């Protein structure tokens, strides 16, 4: 059983590395206004939403390493990893439309690495999930959830949804200092651990119930 190492670059841009294998989530594109930049080779790329803050596939090729890109709902098997993508709609503030929310398609991704079940909610804006989504998520070991509002889940909605999904570990994303602080208060996790990188294996999750881990932006 290999260690899982999770690195956070900002917005919803994460890297999960296990041995030689690298998974990447919602890379920020060069055309994004966020100023976030990270470039590395990945084996599998998960894109939940076709928006510049989340669809920067060009950032994930390096040398001969070009990722298999998953960009929407469906069932996939890549490198012996079974992945399920479940559809949800989302509203994102669009700068080109003077900040007015524009509807995008969002995909929730669910998969397992070394018997660690992971749910990545992506750019989710509605805490009322479909029955299919809830059944597929099914009490994950690790839940990645947006908490910053601005068209996505706000703090209260995120905290309520988190409680209903009963994850062992929660990783907030797409936050600023204010929304993160409020989310930690709402979840009773004001003393949540803050780490540069999260390194864990399955036994590290034993006995945990709704523990929040805050990843610093690299």
N, C-alpha and C. Protein backbone atom coordinates (compact mmCIF):
# COMPACT_ATOMS: atom_id res chain seq x y z
N UNK A 1 0.85 -1.19 0.00
CA UNK A 1 0.00 0.00 0.00
C UNK A 1 0.89 1.25 0.00
N UNK A 2 0.69 2.10 -1.00
CA UNK A 2 1.56 3.27 -1.16
C UNK A 2 0.93 4.51 -0.53
N UNK A 3 1.78 5.41 -0.11
CA UNK A 3 1.31 6.68 0.44
C UNK A 3 0.65 7.51 -0.64
N UNK A 4 -0.39 8.23 -0.26
CA UNK A 4 -1.04 9.19 -1.14
C UNK A 4 -0.58 10.59 -0.72
N UNK A 5 -0.11 11.37 -1.68
CA UNK A 5 0.36 12.73 -1.39
C UNK A 5 -0.52 13.72 -2.15
N UNK A 6 -1.17 14.63 -1.43
CA UNK A 6 -2.08 15.60 -2.05
C UNK A 6 -1.49 17.00 -1.93
N UNK A 7 -1.40 17.69 -3.06
CA UNK A 7 -0.86 19.05 -3.13
C UNK A 7 -1.93 19.97 -3.69
N UNK A 8 -1.98 21.21 -3.18
CA UNK A 8 -3.02 22.17 -3.57
C UNK A 8 -2.37 23.42 -4.16
N UNK A 9 -2.87 23.84 -5.32
CA UNK A 9 -2.31 25.01 -6.01
C UNK A 9 -3.24 26.23 -6.00
N UNK A 10 -4.43 26.07 -5.44
CA UNK A 10 -5.40 27.17 -5.43
C UNK A 10 -6.63 26.83 -6.26
N UNK A 11 -7.73 27.60 -6.05
CA UNK A 11 -9.04 27.31 -6.66
C UNK A 11 -9.40 25.85 -6.37
N UNK A 12 -9.45 25.02 -7.43
CA UNK A 12 -9.73 23.59 -7.21
C UNK A 12 -8.64 22.73 -7.85
N UNK A 13 -7.48 23.31 -7.99
CA UNK A 13 -6.37 22.65 -8.69
C UNK A 13 -5.57 21.83 -7.67
N UNK A 14 -5.72 20.50 -7.76
CA UNK A 14 -5.03 19.58 -6.87
C UNK A 14 -4.22 18.56 -7.65
N UNK A 15 -3.18 18.08 -7.02
CA UNK A 15 -2.42 16.93 -7.53
C UNK A 15 -2.45 15.84 -6.47
N UNK A 16 -2.81 14.63 -6.88
CA UNK A 16 -2.71 13.47 -6.00
C UNK A 16 -1.69 12.53 -6.61
N UNK A 17 -0.65 12.25 -5.85
CA UNK A 17 0.40 11.35 -6.34
C UNK A 17 0.45 10.10 -5.47
N UNK A 18 0.52 8.97 -6.14
CA UNK A 18 0.67 7.70 -5.45
C UNK A 18 1.70 6.88 -6.22
N UNK A 19 2.87 6.74 -5.63
CA UNK A 19 3.97 6.11 -6.36
C UNK A 19 4.31 6.94 -7.57
N UNK A 20 4.34 6.29 -8.73
CA UNK A 20 4.67 7.01 -9.98
C UNK A 20 3.45 7.66 -10.61
N UNK A 21 2.28 7.29 -10.15
CA UNK A 21 1.05 7.77 -10.79
C UNK A 21 0.63 9.14 -10.26
N UNK A 22 0.24 10.01 -11.18
CA UNK A 22 -0.18 11.38 -10.82
C UNK A 22 -1.58 11.65 -11.39
N UNK A 23 -2.48 12.05 -10.49
CA UNK A 23 -3.82 12.49 -10.87
C UNK A 23 -3.89 14.00 -10.66
N UNK A 24 -4.57 14.70 -11.56
CA UNK A 24 -4.73 16.15 -11.41
C UNK A 24 -6.20 16.52 -11.55
N UNK A 25 -6.60 17.55 -10.79
CA UNK A 25 -8.00 17.95 -10.74
C UNK A 25 -8.14 19.43 -11.03
N UNK A 26 -9.05 19.76 -11.95
CA UNK A 26 -9.42 21.14 -12.27
C UNK A 26 -8.22 22.09 -12.36
N UNK A 27 -7.29 21.79 -13.28
CA UNK A 27 -6.15 22.70 -13.46
C UNK A 27 -6.61 24.07 -13.93
N UNK A 28 -5.98 25.10 -13.40
CA UNK A 28 -6.31 26.47 -13.80
C UNK A 28 -5.64 26.76 -15.15
N UNK A 29 -6.41 27.26 -16.11
CA UNK A 29 -5.87 27.50 -17.44
C UNK A 29 -5.12 28.83 -17.51
N UNK A 30 -4.34 28.98 -18.55
CA UNK A 30 -3.57 30.22 -18.74
C UNK A 30 -4.48 31.42 -18.95
N UNK A 31 -5.69 31.18 -19.42
CA UNK A 31 -6.61 32.31 -19.69
C UNK A 31 -7.43 32.71 -18.45
N UNK A 32 -7.22 32.00 -17.34
CA UNK A 32 -7.92 32.35 -16.09
C UNK A 32 -7.39 33.68 -15.56
N UNK A 33 -8.27 34.40 -14.87
CA UNK A 33 -7.88 35.68 -14.28
C UNK A 33 -7.30 35.51 -12.86
N UNK A 34 -7.15 34.28 -12.40
CA UNK A 34 -6.74 34.04 -11.01
C UNK A 34 -5.26 34.29 -10.75
N UNK A 35 -4.44 34.18 -11.81
CA UNK A 35 -2.99 34.32 -11.62
C UNK A 35 -2.34 33.07 -11.07
N UNK A 36 -3.10 31.99 -10.93
CA UNK A 36 -2.56 30.72 -10.43
C UNK A 36 -1.84 30.01 -11.57
N UNK A 37 -0.63 29.53 -11.28
CA UNK A 37 0.11 28.83 -12.32
C UNK A 37 0.82 27.61 -11.73
N UNK A 38 0.59 26.46 -12.32
CA UNK A 38 1.34 25.26 -11.98
C UNK A 38 1.33 24.38 -13.22
N UNK A 39 2.47 23.76 -13.52
CA UNK A 39 2.60 22.96 -14.74
C UNK A 39 3.38 21.70 -14.40
N UNK A 40 2.79 20.54 -14.68
CA UNK A 40 3.46 19.27 -14.44
C UNK A 40 2.79 18.20 -15.30
N UNK A 41 3.43 17.07 -15.42
CA UNK A 41 2.86 15.96 -16.18
C UNK A 41 1.95 15.13 -15.30
N UNK A 42 0.78 14.77 -15.84
CA UNK A 42 -0.19 13.95 -15.09
C UNK A 42 -0.58 12.74 -15.94
N UNK A 43 -1.01 11.68 -15.27
CA UNK A 43 -1.49 10.49 -15.97
C UNK A 43 -2.99 10.56 -16.25
N UNK A 44 -3.73 11.09 -15.28
CA UNK A 44 -5.18 11.25 -15.45
C UNK A 44 -5.55 12.67 -15.04
N UNK A 45 -6.34 13.33 -15.88
CA UNK A 45 -6.81 14.69 -15.57
C UNK A 45 -8.33 14.67 -15.41
N UNK A 46 -8.80 15.24 -14.32
CA UNK A 46 -10.24 15.35 -14.06
C UNK A 46 -10.65 16.80 -14.25
N UNK A 47 -11.54 17.04 -15.20
CA UNK A 47 -12.07 18.38 -15.43
C UNK A 47 -13.56 18.33 -15.10
N UNK A 48 -13.98 19.08 -14.09
CA UNK A 48 -15.40 19.03 -13.72
C UNK A 48 -16.24 20.03 -14.50
N UNK A 49 -15.61 21.13 -14.94
CA UNK A 49 -16.37 22.27 -15.45
C UNK A 49 -15.57 22.96 -16.56
N UNK A 50 -16.22 23.21 -17.69
CA UNK A 50 -15.52 23.83 -18.82
C UNK A 50 -15.49 25.35 -18.64
N UNK A 51 -14.64 25.77 -17.72
CA UNK A 51 -14.48 27.19 -17.35
C UNK A 51 -12.98 27.41 -17.15
N UNK A 52 -12.44 28.59 -17.53
CA UNK A 52 -10.99 28.80 -17.45
C UNK A 52 -10.36 28.54 -16.08
N UNK A 53 -11.14 28.67 -15.01
CA UNK A 53 -10.58 28.41 -13.68
C UNK A 53 -10.38 26.91 -13.41
N UNK A 54 -10.96 26.07 -14.30
CA UNK A 54 -10.97 24.63 -14.01
C UNK A 54 -10.61 23.73 -15.19
N UNK A 55 -10.34 24.29 -16.37
CA UNK A 55 -10.20 23.42 -17.55
C UNK A 55 -8.83 23.51 -18.23
N UNK A 56 -7.78 23.84 -17.46
CA UNK A 56 -6.46 24.06 -18.06
C UNK A 56 -5.68 22.80 -18.38
N UNK A 57 -6.22 21.97 -19.25
CA UNK A 57 -5.54 20.72 -19.59
C UNK A 57 -4.12 20.92 -20.11
N UNK A 58 -3.90 22.07 -20.76
CA UNK A 58 -2.56 22.34 -21.32
C UNK A 58 -1.49 22.39 -20.24
N UNK A 59 -1.88 22.54 -18.98
CA UNK A 59 -0.92 22.62 -17.88
C UNK A 59 -0.45 21.26 -17.38
N UNK A 60 -1.01 20.19 -17.95
CA UNK A 60 -0.78 18.86 -17.39
C UNK A 60 0.01 17.92 -18.29
N UNK A 61 0.61 18.46 -19.34
CA UNK A 61 1.48 17.65 -20.20
C UNK A 61 2.92 18.07 -19.97
N UNK A 62 3.79 17.08 -19.84
CA UNK A 62 5.21 17.37 -19.64
C UNK A 62 6.01 16.24 -20.26
N UNK A 63 6.85 16.58 -21.25
CA UNK A 63 7.61 15.56 -21.95
C UNK A 63 6.66 14.56 -22.61
N UNK A 64 6.88 13.28 -22.33
CA UNK A 64 6.03 12.24 -22.92
C UNK A 64 4.79 11.96 -22.08
N UNK A 65 4.67 12.63 -20.95
CA UNK A 65 3.53 12.39 -20.06
C UNK A 65 2.38 13.30 -20.47
N UNK A 66 1.38 12.71 -21.10
CA UNK A 66 0.18 13.42 -21.51
C UNK A 66 -1.00 12.73 -20.85
N UNK A 67 -1.86 13.47 -20.14
CA UNK A 67 -2.90 12.82 -19.35
C UNK A 67 -4.05 12.26 -20.17
N UNK A 68 -4.66 11.22 -19.64
CA UNK A 68 -5.98 10.81 -20.12
C UNK A 68 -6.97 11.78 -19.49
N UNK A 69 -7.71 12.48 -20.31
CA UNK A 69 -8.60 13.54 -19.80
C UNK A 69 -10.02 13.04 -19.63
N UNK A 70 -10.56 13.24 -18.43
CA UNK A 70 -11.97 12.93 -18.15
C UNK A 70 -12.68 14.26 -17.97
N UNK A 71 -13.65 14.52 -18.83
CA UNK A 71 -14.24 15.86 -18.86
C UNK A 71 -15.75 15.86 -18.68
N UNK A 72 -16.32 14.74 -18.25
CA UNK A 72 -17.77 14.73 -18.08
C UNK A 72 -18.27 13.44 -17.48
N UNK A 73 -19.59 13.33 -17.35
CA UNK A 73 -20.19 12.17 -16.70
C UNK A 73 -19.89 10.87 -17.43
N UNK A 74 -19.95 9.77 -16.68
CA UNK A 74 -19.75 8.45 -17.27
C UNK A 74 -18.98 7.55 -16.33
N UNK A 75 -18.76 6.32 -16.78
CA UNK A 75 -17.97 5.34 -16.02
C UNK A 75 -16.68 5.08 -16.78
N UNK A 76 -15.57 5.15 -16.07
CA UNK A 76 -14.26 5.01 -16.69
C UNK A 76 -13.41 4.02 -15.90
N UNK A 77 -12.49 3.35 -16.61
CA UNK A 77 -11.46 2.56 -15.93
C UNK A 77 -10.13 2.89 -16.59
N UNK A 78 -9.26 3.54 -15.83
CA UNK A 78 -7.93 3.93 -16.33
C UNK A 78 -6.90 3.51 -15.29
N UNK A 79 -5.89 2.79 -15.75
CA UNK A 79 -4.81 2.34 -14.85
C UNK A 79 -5.37 1.63 -13.61
N UNK A 80 -6.37 0.78 -13.86
CA UNK A 80 -7.01 -0.02 -12.81
C UNK A 80 -7.74 0.82 -11.76
N UNK A 81 -8.06 2.06 -12.11
CA UNK A 81 -8.87 2.91 -11.24
C UNK A 81 -10.26 3.03 -11.86
N UNK A 82 -11.28 2.69 -11.08
CA UNK A 82 -12.66 2.84 -11.55
C UNK A 82 -13.16 4.22 -11.14
N UNK A 83 -13.64 4.97 -12.11
CA UNK A 83 -14.05 6.36 -11.88
C UNK A 83 -15.49 6.53 -12.36
N UNK A 84 -16.28 7.18 -11.52
CA UNK A 84 -17.67 7.49 -11.91
C UNK A 84 -17.84 8.99 -11.92
N UNK A 85 -18.38 9.50 -13.02
CA UNK A 85 -18.69 10.92 -13.12
C UNK A 85 -20.19 11.12 -13.12
N UNK A 86 -20.70 11.96 -12.20
CA UNK A 86 -22.14 12.18 -12.06
C UNK A 86 -22.44 13.65 -12.36
N UNK A 87 -23.46 13.88 -13.15
CA UNK A 87 -23.80 15.22 -13.62
C UNK A 87 -24.42 16.09 -12.53
N UNK A 88 -23.99 17.37 -12.49
CA UNK A 88 -24.71 18.38 -11.72
C UNK A 88 -24.52 19.72 -12.42
N UNK A 89 -25.49 20.60 -12.29
CA UNK A 89 -25.35 21.94 -12.86
C UNK A 89 -24.69 22.85 -11.84
N UNK A 90 -24.11 23.93 -12.31
CA UNK A 90 -23.48 24.88 -11.40
C UNK A 90 -23.65 26.30 -11.94
N UNK A 91 -23.57 27.28 -11.06
CA UNK A 91 -23.64 28.68 -11.44
C UNK A 91 -22.32 29.34 -11.07
N UNK A 92 -21.67 29.97 -12.01
CA UNK A 92 -20.38 30.60 -11.75
C UNK A 92 -20.46 32.06 -12.18
N UNK A 93 -19.96 32.94 -11.33
CA UNK A 93 -19.92 34.37 -11.67
C UNK A 93 -18.98 34.56 -12.86
N UNK A 94 -19.49 35.11 -13.93
CA UNK A 94 -18.72 35.25 -15.17
C UNK A 94 -18.28 36.71 -15.33
N UNK A 95 -16.95 36.98 -15.21
CA UNK A 95 -16.46 38.37 -15.34
C UNK A 95 -16.86 39.01 -16.66
N UNK A 96 -16.95 38.20 -17.70
CA UNK A 96 -17.31 38.75 -19.01
C UNK A 96 -18.76 39.23 -19.03
N UNK A 97 -19.54 38.76 -18.08
CA UNK A 97 -20.96 39.17 -18.01
C UNK A 97 -21.18 40.07 -16.79
N UNK A 98 -20.16 40.86 -16.43
CA UNK A 98 -20.25 41.78 -15.28
C UNK A 98 -20.55 41.04 -13.98
N UNK A 99 -19.99 39.84 -13.87
CA UNK A 99 -20.12 39.08 -12.63
C UNK A 99 -21.45 38.37 -12.47
N UNK A 100 -22.30 38.42 -13.49
CA UNK A 100 -23.59 37.72 -13.42
C UNK A 100 -23.34 36.21 -13.51
N UNK A 101 -24.07 35.46 -12.70
CA UNK A 101 -23.89 34.01 -12.71
C UNK A 101 -24.36 33.40 -14.04
N UNK A 102 -23.54 32.52 -14.56
CA UNK A 102 -23.84 31.82 -15.81
C UNK A 102 -23.87 30.33 -15.50
N UNK A 103 -24.79 29.61 -16.11
CA UNK A 103 -24.92 28.18 -15.81
C UNK A 103 -23.88 27.38 -16.60
N UNK A 104 -23.20 26.48 -15.89
CA UNK A 104 -22.25 25.55 -16.48
C UNK A 104 -22.63 24.13 -16.08
N UNK A 105 -22.16 23.18 -16.86
CA UNK A 105 -22.29 21.78 -16.47
C UNK A 105 -21.12 21.45 -15.54
N UNK A 106 -21.42 20.79 -14.44
CA UNK A 106 -20.38 20.35 -13.50
C UNK A 106 -20.50 18.83 -13.34
N UNK A 107 -19.37 18.18 -13.18
CA UNK A 107 -19.36 16.73 -12.96
C UNK A 107 -18.73 16.42 -11.61
N UNK A 108 -19.41 15.64 -10.80
CA UNK A 108 -18.87 15.15 -9.54
C UNK A 108 -18.14 13.84 -9.84
N UNK A 109 -16.90 13.71 -9.38
CA UNK A 109 -16.13 12.50 -9.65
C UNK A 109 -15.95 11.68 -8.38
N UNK A 110 -16.10 10.36 -8.54
CA UNK A 110 -15.98 9.42 -7.43
C UNK A 110 -15.06 8.28 -7.86
N UNK A 111 -14.11 7.96 -7.01
CA UNK A 111 -13.16 6.89 -7.35
C UNK A 111 -12.49 6.40 -6.07
N UNK A 112 -11.73 5.33 -6.22
CA UNK A 112 -11.06 4.73 -5.06
C UNK A 112 -9.60 4.48 -5.39
N UNK A 113 -8.72 4.85 -4.45
CA UNK A 113 -7.29 4.57 -4.56
C UNK A 113 -6.87 3.77 -3.33
N UNK A 114 -6.38 2.55 -3.52
CA UNK A 114 -5.97 1.72 -2.38
C UNK A 114 -7.05 1.66 -1.31
N UNK A 115 -8.28 1.45 -1.76
CA UNK A 115 -9.44 1.33 -0.85
C UNK A 115 -9.76 2.62 -0.09
N UNK A 116 -9.23 3.75 -0.55
CA UNK A 116 -9.64 5.05 -0.01
C UNK A 116 -10.64 5.65 -1.00
N UNK A 117 -11.89 5.82 -0.56
CA UNK A 117 -12.94 6.34 -1.45
C UNK A 117 -12.93 7.87 -1.43
N UNK A 118 -12.85 8.44 -2.61
CA UNK A 118 -12.71 9.89 -2.75
C UNK A 118 -13.87 10.45 -3.56
N UNK A 119 -14.43 11.57 -3.09
CA UNK A 119 -15.47 12.30 -3.82
C UNK A 119 -14.97 13.71 -4.06
N UNK A 120 -14.92 14.10 -5.32
CA UNK A 120 -14.48 15.44 -5.71
C UNK A 120 -15.69 16.15 -6.31
N UNK A 121 -16.23 17.13 -5.56
CA UNK A 121 -17.51 17.75 -5.95
C UNK A 121 -17.37 18.79 -7.05
N UNK A 122 -16.15 19.30 -7.28
CA UNK A 122 -15.97 20.27 -8.35
C UNK A 122 -16.64 21.59 -8.07
N UNK A 123 -17.09 22.25 -9.13
CA UNK A 123 -17.67 23.60 -9.01
C UNK A 123 -19.16 23.50 -8.73
N UNK A 124 -19.47 22.93 -7.60
CA UNK A 124 -20.86 22.68 -7.23
C UNK A 124 -21.48 23.94 -6.63
N UNK A 125 -22.71 24.26 -7.07
CA UNK A 125 -23.37 25.46 -6.54
C UNK A 125 -24.65 25.14 -5.78
N UNK A 126 -25.17 23.93 -5.94
CA UNK A 126 -26.45 23.57 -5.31
C UNK A 126 -26.23 22.41 -4.36
N UNK A 127 -26.56 22.61 -3.08
CA UNK A 127 -26.36 21.55 -2.09
C UNK A 127 -27.43 20.46 -2.17
N UNK A 128 -28.49 20.72 -2.97
CA UNK A 128 -29.53 19.70 -3.16
C UNK A 128 -29.09 18.76 -4.27
N UNK A 129 -28.46 17.67 -3.89
CA UNK A 129 -27.96 16.71 -4.87
C UNK A 129 -29.06 15.77 -5.33
N UNK A 130 -28.90 15.24 -6.52
CA UNK A 130 -29.85 14.25 -7.01
C UNK A 130 -29.69 12.95 -6.22
N UNK A 131 -30.71 12.11 -6.29
CA UNK A 131 -30.67 10.82 -5.60
C UNK A 131 -29.49 9.99 -6.13
N UNK A 132 -29.28 10.04 -7.44
CA UNK A 132 -28.16 9.29 -8.05
C UNK A 132 -26.82 9.77 -7.48
N UNK A 133 -26.66 11.09 -7.36
CA UNK A 133 -25.41 11.64 -6.84
C UNK A 133 -25.17 11.20 -5.41
N UNK A 134 -26.19 11.29 -4.58
CA UNK A 134 -26.05 10.92 -3.17
C UNK A 134 -25.70 9.44 -3.02
N UNK A 135 -26.37 8.61 -3.79
CA UNK A 135 -26.09 7.18 -3.71
C UNK A 135 -24.67 6.87 -4.17
N UNK A 136 -24.21 7.58 -5.17
CA UNK A 136 -22.86 7.34 -5.70
C UNK A 136 -21.80 7.83 -4.71
N UNK A 137 -22.05 8.96 -4.06
CA UNK A 137 -21.06 9.52 -3.12
C UNK A 137 -20.95 8.63 -1.87
N UNK A 138 -22.06 8.31 -1.24
CA UNK A 138 -22.14 7.26 -0.22
C UNK A 138 -21.02 7.29 0.83
N UNK A 139 -21.04 8.27 1.70
CA UNK A 139 -20.10 8.36 2.85
C UNK A 139 -18.64 8.14 2.43
N UNK A 140 -18.07 9.09 1.70
CA UNK A 140 -16.69 8.91 1.22
C UNK A 140 -15.66 9.02 2.35
N UNK A 141 -14.49 8.47 2.09
CA UNK A 141 -13.39 8.66 3.05
C UNK A 141 -12.88 10.10 2.99
N UNK A 142 -12.71 10.63 1.77
CA UNK A 142 -12.23 11.99 1.60
C UNK A 142 -13.19 12.75 0.69
N UNK A 143 -13.61 13.93 1.14
CA UNK A 143 -14.52 14.77 0.38
C UNK A 143 -13.85 16.10 0.07
N UNK A 144 -13.72 16.43 -1.21
CA UNK A 144 -13.24 17.74 -1.66
C UNK A 144 -14.47 18.60 -1.94
N UNK A 145 -14.58 19.74 -1.24
CA UNK A 145 -15.81 20.54 -1.36
C UNK A 145 -15.49 22.03 -1.44
N UNK A 146 -16.14 22.75 -2.39
CA UNK A 146 -15.94 24.20 -2.45
C UNK A 146 -16.70 24.89 -1.32
N UNK A 147 -16.12 25.93 -0.74
CA UNK A 147 -16.75 26.59 0.41
C UNK A 147 -16.80 28.12 0.27
N UNK A 148 -16.36 28.65 -0.86
CA UNK A 148 -16.15 30.09 -0.95
C UNK A 148 -17.26 30.91 -1.53
N UNK A 149 -18.38 30.28 -1.91
CA UNK A 149 -19.46 31.06 -2.51
C UNK A 149 -19.09 31.59 -3.89
N UNK A 150 -19.49 32.83 -4.20
CA UNK A 150 -19.23 33.46 -5.50
C UNK A 150 -19.75 32.59 -6.65
N UNK A 151 -20.97 32.12 -6.48
CA UNK A 151 -21.58 31.26 -7.49
C UNK A 151 -21.52 29.79 -7.12
N UNK A 152 -20.56 29.40 -6.28
CA UNK A 152 -20.46 28.02 -5.83
C UNK A 152 -21.06 27.90 -4.43
N UNK A 153 -20.95 26.73 -3.82
CA UNK A 153 -21.51 26.54 -2.49
C UNK A 153 -21.01 27.60 -1.52
N UNK A 154 -21.93 28.22 -0.78
CA UNK A 154 -21.50 29.13 0.26
C UNK A 154 -21.20 28.32 1.53
N UNK A 155 -20.70 29.00 2.54
CA UNK A 155 -20.23 28.31 3.73
C UNK A 155 -21.33 27.45 4.38
N UNK A 156 -22.50 28.04 4.59
CA UNK A 156 -23.57 27.31 5.28
C UNK A 156 -24.03 26.11 4.46
N UNK A 157 -24.19 26.28 3.16
CA UNK A 157 -24.60 25.18 2.30
C UNK A 157 -23.55 24.08 2.29
N UNK A 158 -22.28 24.49 2.23
CA UNK A 158 -21.19 23.51 2.22
C UNK A 158 -21.14 22.72 3.52
N UNK A 159 -21.30 23.42 4.65
CA UNK A 159 -21.27 22.74 5.95
C UNK A 159 -22.44 21.77 6.09
N UNK A 160 -23.62 22.19 5.62
CA UNK A 160 -24.81 21.34 5.70
C UNK A 160 -24.64 20.09 4.83
N UNK A 161 -24.15 20.29 3.61
CA UNK A 161 -23.96 19.16 2.70
C UNK A 161 -22.90 18.20 3.25
N UNK A 162 -21.83 18.77 3.77
CA UNK A 162 -20.76 17.95 4.34
C UNK A 162 -21.30 17.04 5.44
N UNK A 163 -22.09 17.61 6.34
CA UNK A 163 -22.65 16.82 7.44
C UNK A 163 -23.52 15.69 6.92
N UNK A 164 -24.28 15.95 5.86
CA UNK A 164 -25.21 14.93 5.34
C UNK A 164 -24.49 13.80 4.61
N UNK A 165 -23.29 14.09 4.09
CA UNK A 165 -22.55 13.08 3.32
C UNK A 165 -21.66 12.20 4.21
N UNK A 166 -21.43 12.64 5.45
CA UNK A 166 -20.70 11.87 6.45
C UNK A 166 -19.33 11.37 5.99
N UNK A 167 -18.48 12.25 5.47
CA UNK A 167 -17.12 11.82 5.10
C UNK A 167 -16.24 11.66 6.34
N UNK A 168 -15.18 10.90 6.19
CA UNK A 168 -14.21 10.79 7.28
C UNK A 168 -13.31 12.02 7.32
N UNK A 169 -12.95 12.52 6.14
CA UNK A 169 -12.05 13.67 6.05
C UNK A 169 -12.58 14.65 5.01
N UNK A 170 -12.48 15.94 5.32
CA UNK A 170 -12.99 16.99 4.44
C UNK A 170 -11.83 17.89 4.03
N UNK A 171 -11.71 18.14 2.73
CA UNK A 171 -10.70 19.07 2.23
C UNK A 171 -11.43 20.24 1.55
N UNK A 172 -11.48 21.41 2.20
CA UNK A 172 -12.13 22.57 1.58
C UNK A 172 -11.29 23.12 0.43
N UNK A 173 -11.98 23.70 -0.56
CA UNK A 173 -11.28 24.27 -1.72
C UNK A 173 -12.04 25.49 -2.20
N UNK A 174 -11.39 26.23 -3.10
CA UNK A 174 -12.02 27.42 -3.67
C UNK A 174 -12.44 28.39 -2.57
N UNK A 175 -11.57 28.58 -1.59
CA UNK A 175 -11.89 29.44 -0.45
C UNK A 175 -11.00 30.68 -0.41
N UNK A 176 -11.42 31.69 0.36
CA UNK A 176 -10.53 32.77 0.77
C UNK A 176 -10.44 32.71 2.29
N UNK A 177 -9.65 33.57 2.89
CA UNK A 177 -9.43 33.50 4.33
C UNK A 177 -10.73 33.60 5.12
N UNK A 178 -11.61 34.49 4.68
CA UNK A 178 -12.86 34.73 5.39
C UNK A 178 -13.79 33.51 5.33
N UNK A 179 -14.00 32.98 4.11
CA UNK A 179 -14.91 31.84 3.97
C UNK A 179 -14.34 30.60 4.64
N UNK A 180 -13.04 30.42 4.60
CA UNK A 180 -12.43 29.27 5.27
C UNK A 180 -12.65 29.34 6.78
N UNK A 181 -12.41 30.52 7.34
CA UNK A 181 -12.58 30.70 8.78
C UNK A 181 -14.03 30.40 9.19
N UNK A 182 -14.98 30.89 8.42
CA UNK A 182 -16.39 30.68 8.73
C UNK A 182 -16.77 29.21 8.56
N UNK A 183 -16.24 28.56 7.54
CA UNK A 183 -16.52 27.14 7.32
C UNK A 183 -16.00 26.30 8.48
N UNK A 184 -14.80 26.61 8.96
CA UNK A 184 -14.23 25.87 10.08
C UNK A 184 -15.10 26.05 11.33
N UNK A 185 -15.63 27.26 11.50
CA UNK A 185 -16.50 27.52 12.65
C UNK A 185 -17.82 26.75 12.51
N UNK A 186 -18.39 26.76 11.31
CA UNK A 186 -19.66 26.07 11.06
C UNK A 186 -19.55 24.57 11.30
N UNK A 187 -18.38 24.01 11.00
CA UNK A 187 -18.19 22.56 11.13
C UNK A 187 -17.58 22.19 12.48
N UNK A 188 -17.34 23.20 13.34
CA UNK A 188 -16.76 22.93 14.65
C UNK A 188 -15.31 22.48 14.57
N UNK A 189 -14.63 22.92 13.50
CA UNK A 189 -13.25 22.48 13.26
C UNK A 189 -12.28 23.67 13.27
N UNK A 190 -12.51 24.61 14.19
CA UNK A 190 -11.65 25.81 14.23
C UNK A 190 -10.17 25.47 14.40
N UNK A 191 -9.90 24.33 15.01
CA UNK A 191 -8.51 23.92 15.23
C UNK A 191 -8.05 22.90 14.19
N UNK A 192 -8.63 22.98 13.01
CA UNK A 192 -8.27 22.05 11.93
C UNK A 192 -6.78 22.12 11.62
N UNK A 193 -6.23 20.98 11.27
CA UNK A 193 -4.81 20.93 10.93
C UNK A 193 -4.58 21.63 9.59
N UNK A 194 -3.52 22.43 9.53
CA UNK A 194 -3.15 23.12 8.29
C UNK A 194 -1.81 22.54 7.84
N UNK A 195 -1.76 22.03 6.60
CA UNK A 195 -0.55 21.35 6.13
C UNK A 195 -0.14 21.87 4.76
N UNK A 196 1.17 21.77 4.48
CA UNK A 196 1.70 22.14 3.15
C UNK A 196 1.27 21.10 2.12
N UNK A 197 1.42 19.83 2.49
CA UNK A 197 0.98 18.70 1.66
C UNK A 197 0.34 17.69 2.60
N UNK A 198 -0.64 16.96 2.10
CA UNK A 198 -1.27 15.93 2.90
C UNK A 198 -0.74 14.58 2.45
N UNK A 199 -0.13 13.86 3.38
CA UNK A 199 0.40 12.53 3.10
C UNK A 199 -0.36 11.54 3.97
N UNK A 200 -0.99 10.54 3.35
CA UNK A 200 -1.76 9.61 4.16
C UNK A 200 -1.89 8.26 3.49
N UNK A 201 -2.27 7.28 4.30
CA UNK A 201 -2.65 5.96 3.82
C UNK A 201 -3.95 5.57 4.50
N UNK A 202 -4.49 4.43 4.11
CA UNK A 202 -5.84 4.07 4.55
C UNK A 202 -5.98 4.07 6.07
N UNK A 203 -5.00 3.53 6.77
CA UNK A 203 -5.15 3.40 8.24
C UNK A 203 -5.20 4.76 8.93
N UNK A 204 -4.70 5.83 8.25
CA UNK A 204 -4.77 7.17 8.84
C UNK A 204 -6.19 7.69 8.95
N UNK A 205 -7.12 7.05 8.22
CA UNK A 205 -8.51 7.49 8.21
C UNK A 205 -9.37 6.75 9.23
N UNK A 206 -8.81 5.74 9.85
CA UNK A 206 -9.58 4.94 10.80
C UNK A 206 -10.04 5.79 11.99
N UNK A 207 -11.32 5.68 12.30
CA UNK A 207 -11.87 6.37 13.45
C UNK A 207 -12.17 7.84 13.24
N UNK A 208 -11.92 8.36 12.05
CA UNK A 208 -12.18 9.78 11.79
C UNK A 208 -13.63 9.99 11.36
N UNK A 209 -14.20 11.10 11.80
CA UNK A 209 -15.56 11.48 11.40
C UNK A 209 -15.59 12.98 11.14
N UNK A 210 -15.62 13.35 9.87
CA UNK A 210 -15.75 14.77 9.51
C UNK A 210 -14.58 15.64 9.90
N UNK A 211 -13.37 15.09 9.91
CA UNK A 211 -12.20 15.90 10.24
C UNK A 211 -11.81 16.77 9.04
N UNK A 212 -11.63 18.07 9.29
CA UNK A 212 -11.25 18.99 8.23
C UNK A 212 -9.73 19.13 8.20
N UNK A 213 -9.16 19.00 7.02
CA UNK A 213 -7.74 19.25 6.80
C UNK A 213 -7.62 20.41 5.81
N UNK A 214 -6.90 21.45 6.20
CA UNK A 214 -6.72 22.61 5.32
C UNK A 214 -5.35 22.49 4.64
N UNK A 215 -5.39 22.48 3.32
CA UNK A 215 -4.14 22.45 2.54
C UNK A 215 -3.75 23.87 2.16
N UNK A 216 -2.52 24.23 2.49
CA UNK A 216 -2.00 25.54 2.08
C UNK A 216 -1.82 25.55 0.56
N UNK A 217 -1.97 26.72 -0.01
CA UNK A 217 -1.76 26.86 -1.45
C UNK A 217 -0.26 26.88 -1.74
N UNK A 218 0.18 25.98 -2.60
CA UNK A 218 1.60 25.87 -2.93
C UNK A 218 2.03 26.98 -3.87
